[in-house]
Amino acid sequence: MSNGEATVTSLAIARGRPEHSAPHGGVFLANIATLGGVNTEELVQDWAPLPDIAELTGLSISQVRRLLEDDAICGIKIGKPKVMQVPLAFFKDGEVVTPLKGTLSTLHDAGFDDEEAIIWLFTPDESLPGRPIDLLRAGNRKEVRRRAQALAF
């Protein structure tokens, strides 16, 4: 960038996708930068396998799998052996954080896979301030969705 701001390689570029500019000339994808590689497992910290999610929510394991299939939640295979796990921050008071499904849908429409969506949601963004997932948990979905929608254009 010519105005002296540092440029950051984003996951979109690393994965061969075009980087999208924000209306104000900035780049929204900067907050999912690959800074020597993002370790998703460490970024999120609190994970739970599907049986634990079932216990937390009072749902059956098949209902939890359905949440994954319907993109109401997402997860990745981590640990040894690799087991599908979901960030615990996706749940509040035993239920899925309400605005999460729409935000995940928007991120998937922008070309993000589940791991990229998790990284975006859990990476602090000074302009929000904080992490998108924390704003969603607090019920402030409007700004998070607006930014997620901007990634699709």
C-alpha atoms as a PDB file:
ATOM      1  CA  MET A   1       0.000   0.000   0.000  1.00  0.00           C
ATOM      2  CA  SER A   2       1.329   3.410  -0.861  1.00  0.00           C
ATOM      3  CA  ASN A   3       0.131   5.180   2.289  1.00  0.00           C
ATOM      4  CA  GLY A   4       2.733   3.481   4.472  1.00  0.00           C
ATOM      5  CA  GLU A   5       0.418   0.827   5.910  1.00  0.00           C
ATOM      6  CA  ALA A   6       1.849  -2.640   6.194  1.00  0.00           C
ATOM      7  CA  THR A   7       0.516  -5.202   3.799  1.00  0.00           C
ATOM      8  CA  VAL A   8      -0.450  -8.597   5.129  1.00  0.00           C
ATOM      9  CA  THR A   9      -0.739 -11.863   3.263  1.00  0.00           C
ATOM     10  CA  SER A  10      -4.229 -13.190   3.853  1.00  0.00           C
ATOM     11  CA  LEU A  11      -5.574 -16.714   3.815  1.00  0.00           C
ATOM     12  CA  ALA A  12      -7.457 -15.845   0.639  1.00  0.00           C
ATOM     13  CA  ILE A  13      -4.237 -15.088  -1.215  1.00  0.00           C
ATOM     14  CA  ALA A  14      -2.476 -18.086   0.318  1.00  0.00           C
ATOM     15  CA  ARG A  15      -5.288 -20.300  -0.957  1.00  0.00           C
ATOM     16  CA  GLY A  16      -5.235 -18.704  -4.424  1.00  0.00           C
ATOM     17  CA  ARG A  17      -8.393 -16.625  -4.003  1.00  0.00           C
ATOM     18  CA  PRO A  18      -8.679 -12.931  -4.783  1.00  0.00           C
ATOM     19  CA  GLU A  19      -8.396 -10.535  -1.871  1.00  0.00           C
ATOM     20  CA  HIS A  20     -11.392  -8.247  -1.447  1.00  0.00           C
ATOM     21  CA  SER A  21     -11.136  -4.562  -0.645  1.00  0.00           C
ATOM     22  CA  ALA A  22     -13.260  -2.782   1.869  1.00  0.00           C
ATOM     23  CA  PRO A  23     -15.310   0.224   0.742  1.00  0.00           C
ATOM     24  CA  HIS A  24     -12.897   2.573   2.543  1.00  0.00           C
ATOM     25  CA  GLY A  25      -9.912   1.164   0.617  1.00  0.00           C
ATOM     26  CA  GLY A  26      -8.691  -1.107   3.402  1.00  0.00           C
ATOM     27  CA  VAL A  27      -8.751  -4.870   3.317  1.00  0.00           C
ATOM     28  CA  PHE A  28     -11.041  -6.813   5.635  1.00  0.00           C
ATOM     29  CA  LEU A  29      -9.066 -10.021   5.215  1.00  0.00           C
ATOM     30  CA  ALA A  30      -6.059  -8.589   7.030  1.00  0.00           C
ATOM     31  CA  ASN A  31      -7.359  -9.902  10.327  1.00  0.00           C
ATOM     32  CA  ILE A  32      -7.056 -13.495   9.104  1.00  0.00           C
ATOM     33  CA  ALA A  33      -3.447 -13.085   8.106  1.00  0.00           C
ATOM     34  CA  THR A  34      -1.060 -15.969   7.956  1.00  0.00           C
ATOM     35  CA  LEU A  35       1.584 -14.789  10.355  1.00  0.00           C
ATOM     36  CA  GLY A  36       3.939 -17.706   9.905  1.00  0.00           C
ATOM     37  CA  GLY A  37       0.873 -19.954   9.766  1.00  0.00           C
ATOM     38  CA  VAL A  38      -2.196 -19.798  11.979  1.00  0.00           C
ATOM     39  CA  ASN A  39      -2.549 -22.675  14.408  1.00  0.00           C
ATOM     40  CA  THR A  40      -6.332 -22.918  14.623  1.00  0.00           C
ATOM     41  CA  GLU A  41      -6.217 -25.317  17.552  1.00  0.00           C
ATOM     42  CA  GLU A  42      -4.241 -22.805  19.639  1.00  0.00           C
ATOM     43  CA  LEU A  43      -6.178 -19.774  18.360  1.00  0.00           C
ATOM     44  CA  VAL A  44      -9.497 -21.121  19.637  1.00  0.00           C
ATOM     45  CA  GLN A  45      -8.215 -22.896  22.777  1.00  0.00           C
ATOM     46  CA  ASP A  46     -11.552 -24.354  24.011  1.00  0.00           C
ATOM     47  CA  TRP A  47     -12.789 -27.211  21.823  1.00  0.00           C
ATOM     48  CA  ALA A  48     -15.207 -30.080  22.393  1.00  0.00           C
ATOM     49  CA  PRO A  49     -15.819 -33.294  20.454  1.00  0.00           C
ATOM     50  CA  LEU A  50     -19.327 -34.000  19.205  1.00  0.00           C
ATOM     51  CA  PRO A  51     -20.352 -36.270  22.136  1.00  0.00           C
ATOM     52  CA  ASP A  52     -19.459 -33.459  24.570  1.00  0.00           C
ATOM     53  CA  ILE A  53     -21.430 -30.972  22.474  1.00  0.00           C
ATOM     54  CA  ALA A  54     -24.403 -33.350  22.629  1.00  0.00           C
ATOM     55  CA  GLU A  55     -24.120 -33.475  26.408  1.00  0.00           C
ATOM     56  CA  LEU A  56     -23.712 -29.684  26.678  1.00  0.00           C
ATOM     57  CA  THR A  57     -26.791 -28.970  24.558  1.00  0.00           C
ATOM     58  CA  GLY A  58     -28.974 -31.892  25.572  1.00  0.00           C
ATOM     59  CA  LEU A  59     -29.184 -32.984  21.926  1.00  0.00           C
ATOM     60  CA  SER A  60     -28.516 -36.423  20.529  1.00  0.00           C
ATOM     61  CA  ILE A  61     -25.272 -36.998  18.647  1.00  0.00           C
ATOM     62  CA  SER A  62     -27.239 -37.222  15.389  1.00  0.00           C
ATOM     63  CA  GLN A  63     -28.827 -33.826  16.105  1.00  0.00           C
ATOM     64  CA  VAL A  64     -25.353 -32.355  16.687  1.00  0.00           C
ATOM     65  CA  ARG A  65     -24.194 -33.838  13.378  1.00  0.00           C
ATOM     66  CA  ARG A  66     -27.241 -32.240  11.763  1.00  0.00           C
ATOM     67  CA  LEU A  67     -26.150 -28.843  13.155  1.00  0.00           C
ATOM     68  CA  LEU A  68     -22.823 -29.393  11.372  1.00  0.00           C
ATOM     69  CA  GLU A  69     -24.525 -30.463   8.122  1.00  0.00           C
ATOM     70  CA  ASP A  70     -26.858 -27.449   8.245  1.00  0.00           C
ATOM     71  CA  ASP A  71     -23.911 -25.085   8.864  1.00  0.00           C
ATOM     72  CA  ALA A  72     -25.418 -23.903  12.136  1.00  0.00           C
ATOM     73  CA  ILE A  73     -21.992 -24.701  13.630  1.00  0.00           C
ATOM     74  CA  CYS A  74     -18.698 -25.799  12.144  1.00  0.00           C
ATOM     75  CA  GLY A  75     -15.675 -27.687  13.333  1.00  0.00           C
ATOM     76  CA  ILE A  76     -12.439 -29.247  12.240  1.00  0.00           C
ATOM     77  CA  LYS A  77     -10.599 -32.470  12.937  1.00  0.00           C
ATOM     78  CA  ILE A  78      -7.891 -31.851  15.524  1.00  0.00           C
ATOM     79  CA  GLY A  79      -5.904 -33.733  18.136  1.00  0.00           C
ATOM     80  CA  LYS A  80      -4.347 -37.169  18.030  1.00  0.00           C
ATOM     81  CA  PRO A  81      -6.136 -39.120  16.773  1.00  0.00           C
ATOM     82  CA  LYS A  82      -7.871 -36.502  14.639  1.00  0.00           C
ATOM     83  CA  VAL A  83     -11.432 -36.087  15.907  1.00  0.00           C
ATOM     84  CA  MET A  84     -14.092 -33.613  14.759  1.00  0.00           C
ATOM     85  CA  GLN A  85     -14.260 -30.865  17.358  1.00  0.00           C
ATOM     86  CA  VAL A  86     -16.237 -27.645  17.629  1.00  0.00           C
ATOM     87  CA  PRO A  87     -15.263 -24.414  19.416  1.00  0.00           C
ATOM     88  CA  LEU A  88     -17.113 -24.139  22.725  1.00  0.00           C
ATOM     89  CA  ALA A  89     -17.580 -20.396  22.133  1.00  0.00           C
ATOM     90  CA  PHE A  90     -20.211 -21.336  19.523  1.00  0.00           C
ATOM     91  CA  PHE A  91     -22.515 -22.147  22.458  1.00  0.00           C
ATOM     92  CA  LYS A  92     -24.024 -19.984  25.155  1.00  0.00           C
ATOM     93  CA  ASP A  93     -26.250 -21.298  27.945  1.00  0.00           C
ATOM     94  CA  GLY A  94     -26.377 -24.731  26.279  1.00  0.00           C
ATOM     95  CA  GLU A  95     -27.578 -23.400  22.909  1.00  0.00           C
ATOM     96  CA  VAL A  96     -25.949 -22.396  19.643  1.00  0.00           C
ATOM     97  CA  VAL A  97     -25.168 -18.667  19.560  1.00  0.00           C
ATOM     98  CA  THR A  98     -28.156 -17.363  17.585  1.00  0.00           C
ATOM     99  CA  PRO A  99     -26.449 -15.192  14.922  1.00  0.00           C
ATOM    100  CA  LEU A 100     -23.747 -17.797  14.226  1.00  0.00           C
ATOM    101  CA  LYS A 101     -25.599 -19.727  11.505  1.00  0.00           C
ATOM    102  CA  GLY A 102     -26.185 -16.671   9.318  1.00  0.00           C
ATOM    103  CA  THR A 103     -22.616 -15.490   9.783  1.00  0.00           C
ATOM    104  CA  LEU A 104     -21.216 -18.914   8.868  1.00  0.00           C
ATOM    105  CA  SER A 105     -23.470 -18.994   5.817  1.00  0.00           C
ATOM    106  CA  THR A 106     -22.160 -15.586   4.743  1.00  0.00           C
ATOM    107  CA  LEU A 107     -18.546 -16.676   5.234  1.00  0.00           C
ATOM    108  CA  HIS A 108     -19.134 -19.889   3.273  1.00  0.00           C
ATOM    109  CA  ASP A 109     -20.731 -17.836   0.479  1.00  0.00           C
ATOM    110  CA  ALA A 110     -17.534 -15.745   0.457  1.00  0.00           C
ATOM    111  CA  GLY A 111     -15.559 -18.927  -0.237  1.00  0.00           C
ATOM    112  CA  PHE A 112     -14.324 -19.692   3.263  1.00  0.00           C
ATOM    113  CA  ASP A 113     -14.051 -23.303   4.339  1.00  0.00           C
ATOM    114  CA  ASP A 114     -14.838 -24.252   7.959  1.00  0.00           C
ATOM    115  CA  GLU A 115     -11.291 -23.734   9.220  1.00  0.00           C
ATOM    116  CA  GLU A 116     -10.987 -20.329   7.539  1.00  0.00           C
ATOM    117  CA  ALA A 117     -14.339 -19.301   9.023  1.00  0.00           C
ATOM    118  CA  ILE A 118     -13.183 -20.344  12.495  1.00  0.00           C
ATOM    119  CA  ILE A 119      -9.943 -18.408  12.075  1.00  0.00           C
ATOM    120  CA  TRP A 120     -11.860 -15.306  10.957  1.00  0.00           C
ATOM    121  CA  LEU A 121     -14.298 -15.552  13.862  1.00  0.00           C
ATOM    122  CA  PHE A 122     -11.579 -16.004  16.498  1.00  0.00           C
ATOM    123  CA  THR A 123      -8.941 -13.563  15.246  1.00  0.00           C
ATOM    124  CA  PRO A 124      -8.978 -10.239  17.121  1.00  0.00           C
ATOM    125  CA  ASP A 125      -9.812  -7.232  14.964  1.00  0.00           C
ATOM    126  CA  GLU A 126      -8.842  -3.825  16.344  1.00  0.00           C
ATOM    127  CA  SER A 127     -11.529  -2.088  14.292  1.00  0.00           C
ATOM    128  CA  LEU A 128     -14.400  -4.042  15.893  1.00  0.00           C
ATOM    129  CA  PRO A 129     -12.828  -4.092  18.673  1.00  0.00           C
ATOM    130  CA  GLY A 130     -12.185  -7.668  19.682  1.00  0.00           C
ATOM    131  CA  ARG A 131     -13.027 -10.961  18.041  1.00  0.00           C
ATOM    132  CA  PRO A 132     -16.089 -11.393  15.818  1.00  0.00           C
ATOM    133  CA  ILE A 133     -17.215 -14.420  17.862  1.00  0.00           C
ATOM    134  CA  ASP A 134     -17.303 -12.321  21.042  1.00  0.00           C
ATOM    135  CA  LEU A 135     -19.524  -9.735  19.362  1.00  0.00           C
ATOM    136  CA  LEU A 136     -21.857 -12.476  18.124  1.00  0.00           C
ATOM    137  CA  ARG A 137     -22.049 -13.945  21.633  1.00  0.00           C
ATOM    138  CA  ALA A 138     -22.967 -10.480  22.944  1.00  0.00           C
ATOM    139  CA  GLY A 139     -25.753 -10.207  20.364  1.00  0.00           C
ATOM    140  CA  ASN A 140     -24.007  -7.633  18.159  1.00  0.00           C
ATOM    141  CA  ARG A 141     -24.322  -9.378  14.840  1.00  0.00           C
ATOM    142  CA  LYS A 142     -24.862  -6.347  12.591  1.00  0.00           C
ATOM    143  CA  GLU A 143     -21.236  -5.179  12.212  1.00  0.00           C
ATOM    144  CA  VAL A 144     -19.884  -8.739  12.087  1.00  0.00           C
ATOM    145  CA  ARG A 145     -22.328  -9.663   9.305  1.00  0.00           C
ATOM    146  CA  ARG A 146     -21.565  -6.485   7.396  1.00  0.00           C
ATOM    147  CA  ARG A 147     -17.882  -7.342   7.382  1.00  0.00           C
ATOM    148  CA  ALA A 148     -18.531 -10.964   6.490  1.00  0.00           C
ATOM    149  CA  GLN A 149     -20.746  -9.836   3.594  1.00  0.00           C
ATOM    150  CA  ALA A 150     -18.011  -7.505   2.343  1.00  0.00           C
ATOM    151  CA  LEU A 151     -15.725 -10.527   1.978  1.00  0.00           C
ATOM    152  CA  ALA A 152     -18.039 -11.959  -0.675  1.00  0.00           C
ATOM    153  CA  PHE A 153     -17.636  -8.955  -3.010  1.00  0.00           C
END
